[in-house]
Amino acid sequence: QVRGLCGTYNWDQRDEFATPMGDVETSVTAFANKYRVSPDCPVLSPVPFEPCSTYAPQRELAAAACAILHSASFQ
């Protein structure tokens, strides 16, 4: 059984944002904030940001990681 950041894979999108506490968040930022492992991690604001421009130096690394997730192994 898969939960949390990986989703539930039960074809019910209403429970994809299940938190470690068992509740279900309705926004991406609220969901991500529940997974903060340290008080030193910044709290995300509800204002969307553009990750490609914010983290431009990491774009190549992200593309390589996404290629793995889009490979035949994960189909």
C-alpha atoms as a PDB file:
ATOM      1  CA  GLN A   1       0.000   0.000   0.000  1.00  0.00           C
ATOM      2  CA  VAL A   2       1.308   3.385  -1.005  1.00  0.00           C
ATOM      3  CA  ARG A   3       0.337   6.631   0.737  1.00  0.00           C
ATOM      4  CA  GLY A   4       1.360  10.214   1.201  1.00  0.00           C
ATOM      5  CA  LEU A   5       3.839  11.775  -1.167  1.00  0.00           C
ATOM      6  CA  CYS A   6       3.549   8.844  -3.576  1.00  0.00           C
ATOM      7  CA  GLY A   7      -0.261   8.940  -3.678  1.00  0.00           C
ATOM      8  CA  THR A   8      -2.521   5.970  -3.062  1.00  0.00           C
ATOM      9  CA  TYR A   9      -2.898   4.520  -6.576  1.00  0.00           C
ATOM     10  CA  ASN A  10      -6.525   3.613  -5.955  1.00  0.00           C
ATOM     11  CA  TRP A  11      -7.888   5.819  -8.772  1.00  0.00           C
ATOM     12  CA  ASP A  12      -9.625   8.078  -6.235  1.00  0.00           C
ATOM     13  CA  GLN A  13      -8.053  11.527  -6.477  1.00  0.00           C
ATOM     14  CA  ARG A  14      -9.909  12.731  -3.386  1.00  0.00           C
ATOM     15  CA  ASP A  15      -7.456  10.926  -1.085  1.00  0.00           C
ATOM     16  CA  GLU A  16      -4.187  11.625  -2.891  1.00  0.00           C
ATOM     17  CA  PHE A  17      -3.175  14.283  -0.364  1.00  0.00           C
ATOM     18  CA  ALA A  18      -3.310  11.984   2.676  1.00  0.00           C
ATOM     19  CA  THR A  19      -0.989  13.321   5.376  1.00  0.00           C
ATOM     20  CA  PRO A  20       1.094  11.404   7.932  1.00  0.00           C
ATOM     21  CA  MET A  21      -1.631  12.188  10.487  1.00  0.00           C
ATOM     22  CA  GLY A  22      -4.273  10.482   8.330  1.00  0.00           C
ATOM     23  CA  ASP A  23      -6.214  13.589   7.312  1.00  0.00           C
ATOM     24  CA  VAL A  24      -6.591  14.685   3.692  1.00  0.00           C
ATOM     25  CA  GLU A  25      -5.462  18.157   2.639  1.00  0.00           C
ATOM     26  CA  THR A  26      -7.112  20.047  -0.195  1.00  0.00           C
ATOM     27  CA  SER A  27      -4.149  22.135  -1.371  1.00  0.00           C
ATOM     28  CA  VAL A  28      -0.644  21.285  -2.485  1.00  0.00           C
ATOM     29  CA  THR A  29       1.023  23.730  -0.094  1.00  0.00           C
ATOM     30  CA  ALA A  30      -0.919  22.555   2.962  1.00  0.00           C
ATOM     31  CA  PHE A  31      -0.090  18.963   2.010  1.00  0.00           C
ATOM     32  CA  ALA A  32       3.621  19.703   1.533  1.00  0.00           C
ATOM     33  CA  ASN A  33       3.807  21.590   4.824  1.00  0.00           C
ATOM     34  CA  LYS A  34       2.557  18.493   6.681  1.00  0.00           C
ATOM     35  CA  TYR A  35       5.670  16.642   5.475  1.00  0.00           C
ATOM     36  CA  ARG A  36       8.170  19.147   6.876  1.00  0.00           C
ATOM     37  CA  VAL A  37      10.645  17.080   8.878  1.00  0.00           C
ATOM     38  CA  SER A  38      12.313  19.958  10.677  1.00  0.00           C
ATOM     39  CA  PRO A  39      11.243  23.338  12.009  1.00  0.00           C
ATOM     40  CA  ASP A  40      14.226  24.669  10.060  1.00  0.00           C
ATOM     41  CA  CYS A  41      12.456  23.827   6.796  1.00  0.00           C
ATOM     42  CA  PRO A  42      10.592  26.849   5.433  1.00  0.00           C
ATOM     43  CA  VAL A  43       6.800  26.831   5.554  1.00  0.00           C
ATOM     44  CA  LEU A  44       5.440  27.081   2.025  1.00  0.00           C
ATOM     45  CA  SER A  45       3.060  29.919   1.315  1.00  0.00           C
ATOM     46  CA  PRO A  46      -0.155  29.343  -0.630  1.00  0.00           C
ATOM     47  CA  VAL A  47       1.076  31.615  -3.426  1.00  0.00           C
ATOM     48  CA  PRO A  48       2.236  29.419  -6.320  1.00  0.00           C
ATOM     49  CA  PHE A  49       5.788  29.833  -7.509  1.00  0.00           C
ATOM     50  CA  GLU A  50       7.460  28.820 -10.743  1.00  0.00           C
ATOM     51  CA  PRO A  51       9.851  26.005  -9.823  1.00  0.00           C
ATOM     52  CA  CYS A  52      11.726  26.063 -13.129  1.00  0.00           C
ATOM     53  CA  SER A  53      12.805  29.676 -12.680  1.00  0.00           C
ATOM     54  CA  THR A  54      13.209  29.461  -8.897  1.00  0.00           C
ATOM     55  CA  TYR A  55      15.435  26.392  -9.074  1.00  0.00           C
ATOM     56  CA  ALA A  56      16.959  26.829 -12.551  1.00  0.00           C
ATOM     57  CA  PRO A  57      20.362  25.312 -11.590  1.00  0.00           C
ATOM     58  CA  GLN A  58      18.596  22.072 -10.593  1.00  0.00           C
ATOM     59  CA  ARG A  59      16.652  21.722 -13.869  1.00  0.00           C
ATOM     60  CA  GLU A  60      19.038  19.173 -15.409  1.00  0.00           C
ATOM     61  CA  LEU A  61      18.954  17.015 -12.260  1.00  0.00           C
ATOM     62  CA  ALA A  62      15.152  17.210 -12.174  1.00  0.00           C
ATOM     63  CA  ALA A  63      14.881  16.228 -15.846  1.00  0.00           C
ATOM     64  CA  ALA A  64      17.074  13.168 -15.209  1.00  0.00           C
ATOM     65  CA  ALA A  65      14.979  12.156 -12.181  1.00  0.00           C
ATOM     66  CA  CYS A  66      11.738  12.591 -14.127  1.00  0.00           C
ATOM     67  CA  ALA A  67      13.113  10.498 -16.986  1.00  0.00           C
ATOM     68  CA  ILE A  68      13.525   7.624 -14.536  1.00  0.00           C
ATOM     69  CA  LEU A  69       9.924   7.997 -13.329  1.00  0.00           C
ATOM     70  CA  HIS A  70       8.669   8.065 -16.935  1.00  0.00           C
ATOM     71  CA  SER A  71      10.660   4.935 -17.870  1.00  0.00           C
ATOM     72  CA  ALA A  72       9.141   1.539 -18.585  1.00  0.00           C
ATOM     73  CA  SER A  73       9.946   0.378 -15.037  1.00  0.00           C
ATOM     74  CA  PHE A  74       7.235   2.692 -13.661  1.00  0.00           C
ATOM     75  CA  GLN A  75       4.534   2.080 -16.269  1.00  0.00           C
END
